Amino acid sequence: MTLSYIDAIQLILTIICLFCIFSYIAYSFKSNIKLYKSLSTKCSQTTALNYKEYMTVEDYTAYEKFHIWRFYVHF
């Protein structure tokens, strides 16, 4: 059995195409998991404090960075 050059090139391009599709699926899955974790963390920490208003990204970053939630848990 001999493969012609066209068949070999077609096989290589098919493998590259499948690899690109699977890597895109893996990237999308990882980014969605990361987004879901950040949103669930934001919701659970703010609802634990009964803080019903929406926080901006900058406020929430400061909220996490300085651990403001520790002061509210004790009172």
N, C-alpha and C. Protein backbone atom coordinates (compact mmCIF):
# COMPACT_ATOMS: atom_id res chain seq x y z
N MET A 1 0.83 -1.17 0.00
CA MET A 1 0.00 0.00 0.00
C MET A 1 0.88 1.24 0.00
N THR A 2 0.70 2.03 -0.98
CA THR A 2 1.47 3.26 -1.03
C THR A 2 0.52 4.45 -0.94
N LEU A 3 0.96 5.43 -0.23
CA LEU A 3 0.18 6.66 -0.12
C LEU A 3 0.77 7.70 -1.06
N SER A 4 -0.09 8.35 -1.75
CA SER A 4 0.41 9.43 -2.59
C SER A 4 0.60 10.68 -1.72
N TYR A 5 1.25 11.64 -2.26
CA TYR A 5 1.51 12.87 -1.51
C TYR A 5 0.21 13.60 -1.16
N ILE A 6 -0.74 13.56 -2.04
CA ILE A 6 -2.02 14.24 -1.78
C ILE A 6 -2.75 13.59 -0.61
N ASP A 7 -2.73 12.25 -0.55
CA ASP A 7 -3.36 11.56 0.58
C ASP A 7 -2.66 11.87 1.89
N ALA A 8 -1.34 11.94 1.87
CA ALA A 8 -0.59 12.26 3.09
C ALA A 8 -0.87 13.69 3.55
N ILE A 9 -0.92 14.62 2.62
CA ILE A 9 -1.22 16.01 2.97
C ILE A 9 -2.65 16.13 3.51
N GLN A 10 -3.58 15.41 2.90
CA GLN A 10 -4.96 15.43 3.36
C GLN A 10 -5.07 14.86 4.77
N LEU A 11 -4.35 13.81 5.05
CA LEU A 11 -4.35 13.21 6.38
C LEU A 11 -3.76 14.17 7.42
N ILE A 12 -2.67 14.82 7.08
CA ILE A 12 -2.04 15.78 8.00
C ILE A 12 -2.97 16.96 8.26
N LEU A 13 -3.60 17.49 7.23
CA LEU A 13 -4.52 18.61 7.40
C LEU A 13 -5.74 18.22 8.24
N THR A 14 -6.22 17.01 8.06
CA THR A 14 -7.34 16.52 8.87
C THR A 14 -6.96 16.42 10.33
N ILE A 15 -5.78 15.91 10.62
CA ILE A 15 -5.31 15.80 12.00
C ILE A 15 -5.14 17.18 12.62
N ILE A 16 -4.58 18.12 11.86
CA ILE A 16 -4.41 19.49 12.37
C ILE A 16 -5.77 20.13 12.64
N CYS A 17 -6.72 19.93 11.75
CA CYS A 17 -8.06 20.49 11.93
C CYS A 17 -8.73 19.92 13.17
N LEU A 18 -8.65 18.62 13.36
CA LEU A 18 -9.23 17.99 14.55
C LEU A 18 -8.55 18.48 15.83
N PHE A 19 -7.24 18.63 15.79
CA PHE A 19 -6.51 19.14 16.95
C PHE A 19 -6.96 20.56 17.29
N CYS A 20 -7.15 21.40 16.28
CA CYS A 20 -7.61 22.77 16.51
C CYS A 20 -9.01 22.79 17.11
N ILE A 21 -9.88 21.95 16.62
CA ILE A 21 -11.24 21.90 17.15
C ILE A 21 -11.24 21.46 18.61
N PHE A 22 -10.50 20.41 18.93
CA PHE A 22 -10.46 19.93 20.32
C PHE A 22 -9.78 20.92 21.25
N SER A 23 -8.76 21.61 20.78
CA SER A 23 -8.12 22.61 21.64
C SER A 23 -9.05 23.80 21.88
N TYR A 24 -9.84 24.19 20.89
CA TYR A 24 -10.81 25.27 21.08
C TYR A 24 -11.89 24.86 22.08
N ILE A 25 -12.35 23.63 22.00
CA ILE A 25 -13.35 23.13 22.95
C ILE A 25 -12.78 23.13 24.36
N ALA A 26 -11.55 22.67 24.52
CA ALA A 26 -10.92 22.65 25.85
C ALA A 26 -10.74 24.07 26.38
N TYR A 27 -10.31 25.00 25.53
CA TYR A 27 -10.13 26.39 25.95
C TYR A 27 -11.46 27.01 26.38
N SER A 28 -12.52 26.77 25.61
CA SER A 28 -13.83 27.31 25.95
C SER A 28 -14.34 26.74 27.27
N PHE A 29 -14.14 25.45 27.46
CA PHE A 29 -14.58 24.80 28.69
C PHE A 29 -13.85 25.38 29.90
N LYS A 30 -12.53 25.55 29.78
CA LYS A 30 -11.75 26.10 30.90
C LYS A 30 -12.14 27.53 31.20
N SER A 31 -12.37 28.34 30.18
CA SER A 31 -12.74 29.74 30.43
C SER A 31 -14.13 29.83 31.04
N ASN A 32 -15.05 28.95 30.63
CA ASN A 32 -16.38 28.96 31.22
C ASN A 32 -16.35 28.51 32.67
N ILE A 33 -15.53 27.52 32.99
CA ILE A 33 -15.39 27.07 34.37
C ILE A 33 -14.81 28.18 35.23
N LYS A 34 -13.80 28.88 34.71
CA LYS A 34 -13.19 29.98 35.46
C LYS A 34 -14.20 31.10 35.69
N LEU A 35 -14.98 31.43 34.69
CA LEU A 35 -16.00 32.47 34.82
C LEU A 35 -17.06 32.05 35.83
N TYR A 36 -17.49 30.79 35.76
CA TYR A 36 -18.51 30.30 36.69
C TYR A 36 -18.00 30.34 38.13
N LYS A 37 -16.74 29.96 38.34
CA LYS A 37 -16.18 29.98 39.69
C LYS A 37 -16.10 31.40 40.23
N SER A 38 -15.69 32.35 39.40
CA SER A 38 -15.59 33.73 39.87
C SER A 38 -16.97 34.31 40.16
N LEU A 39 -17.96 34.00 39.33
CA LEU A 39 -19.30 34.51 39.57
C LEU A 39 -19.93 33.87 40.80
N SER A 40 -19.73 32.57 40.99
CA SER A 40 -20.30 31.91 42.16
C SER A 40 -19.64 32.39 43.44
N THR A 41 -18.34 32.66 43.39
CA THR A 41 -17.65 33.20 44.56
C THR A 41 -18.17 34.58 44.89
N LYS A 42 -18.35 35.40 43.88
CA LYS A 42 -18.85 36.76 44.09
C LYS A 42 -20.25 36.71 44.70
N CYS A 43 -21.11 35.85 44.19
CA CYS A 43 -22.47 35.78 44.70
C CYS A 43 -22.51 35.23 46.12
N SER A 44 -21.75 34.18 46.40
CA SER A 44 -21.83 33.56 47.72
C SER A 44 -21.26 34.46 48.79
N GLN A 45 -20.17 35.16 48.52
CA GLN A 45 -19.59 36.03 49.53
C GLN A 45 -20.46 37.25 49.79
N THR A 46 -21.04 37.79 48.77
CA THR A 46 -21.86 38.98 48.99
C THR A 46 -23.20 38.61 49.61
N THR A 47 -23.76 37.47 49.29
CA THR A 47 -25.02 37.09 49.92
C THR A 47 -24.81 36.62 51.35
N ALA A 48 -23.64 36.14 51.68
CA ALA A 48 -23.37 35.78 53.07
C ALA A 48 -23.41 37.01 53.96
N LEU A 49 -23.11 38.15 53.40
CA LEU A 49 -23.16 39.40 54.15
C LEU A 49 -24.49 40.12 53.99
N ASN A 50 -25.44 39.49 53.30
CA ASN A 50 -26.73 40.10 52.97
C ASN A 50 -26.54 41.41 52.21
N TYR A 51 -25.59 41.42 51.34
CA TYR A 51 -25.30 42.59 50.51
C TYR A 51 -25.97 42.37 49.18
N LYS A 52 -27.12 42.98 48.96
CA LYS A 52 -27.94 42.67 47.81
C LYS A 52 -27.62 43.52 46.59
N GLU A 53 -26.86 44.57 46.74
CA GLU A 53 -26.57 45.44 45.61
C GLU A 53 -25.43 44.89 44.78
N TYR A 54 -25.39 45.31 43.54
CA TYR A 54 -24.32 44.88 42.65
C TYR A 54 -23.04 45.66 42.96
N MET A 55 -21.92 44.98 42.87
CA MET A 55 -20.63 45.63 43.10
C MET A 55 -19.92 45.78 41.77
N THR A 56 -19.19 46.87 41.63
CA THR A 56 -18.37 47.02 40.44
C THR A 56 -17.14 46.12 40.58
N VAL A 57 -16.45 45.93 39.50
CA VAL A 57 -15.27 45.07 39.52
C VAL A 57 -14.20 45.62 40.45
N GLU A 58 -14.02 46.93 40.44
CA GLU A 58 -13.00 47.54 41.29
C GLU A 58 -13.36 47.39 42.76
N ASP A 59 -14.64 47.59 43.10
CA ASP A 59 -15.07 47.45 44.49
C ASP A 59 -14.92 46.01 44.96
N TYR A 60 -15.27 45.07 44.09
CA TYR A 60 -15.17 43.68 44.49
C TYR A 60 -13.71 43.25 44.64
N THR A 61 -12.83 43.77 43.81
CA THR A 61 -11.40 43.46 43.94
C THR A 61 -10.87 43.98 45.27
N ALA A 62 -11.24 45.20 45.63
CA ALA A 62 -10.83 45.74 46.93
C ALA A 62 -11.47 44.95 48.06
N TYR A 63 -12.70 44.53 47.86
CA TYR A 63 -13.44 43.73 48.84
C TYR A 63 -12.70 42.43 49.13
N GLU A 64 -12.20 41.78 48.08
CA GLU A 64 -11.45 40.54 48.27
C GLU A 64 -10.03 40.80 48.76
N LYS A 65 -9.39 41.83 48.25
CA LYS A 65 -7.98 42.08 48.55
C LYS A 65 -7.77 42.40 50.02
N PHE A 66 -8.63 43.22 50.59
CA PHE A 66 -8.44 43.65 51.97
C PHE A 66 -9.24 42.83 52.97
N HIS A 67 -9.91 41.79 52.51
CA HIS A 67 -10.67 40.87 53.38
C HIS A 67 -11.65 41.62 54.28
N ILE A 68 -12.43 42.50 53.67
CA ILE A 68 -13.40 43.28 54.43
C ILE A 68 -14.47 42.37 55.03
N TRP A 69 -14.74 41.23 54.39
CA TRP A 69 -15.78 40.34 54.88
C TRP A 69 -15.49 39.82 56.28
N ARG A 70 -14.22 39.75 56.69
CA ARG A 70 -13.90 39.26 58.03
C ARG A 70 -14.47 40.16 59.11
N PHE A 71 -14.51 41.45 58.86
CA PHE A 71 -15.03 42.38 59.85
C PHE A 71 -16.55 42.24 60.01
N TYR A 72 -17.22 41.90 58.93
CA TYR A 72 -18.68 41.79 58.99
C TYR A 72 -19.15 40.47 59.57
N VAL A 73 -18.35 39.44 59.51
CA VAL A 73 -18.76 38.13 60.01
C VAL A 73 -18.88 38.15 61.53
N HIS A 74 -18.03 38.88 62.21
CA HIS A 74 -18.02 38.88 63.66
C HIS A 74 -19.16 39.69 64.26
N PHE A 75 -19.76 40.60 63.50
CA PHE A 75 -20.82 41.45 64.07
C PHE A 75 -22.19 41.00 63.68
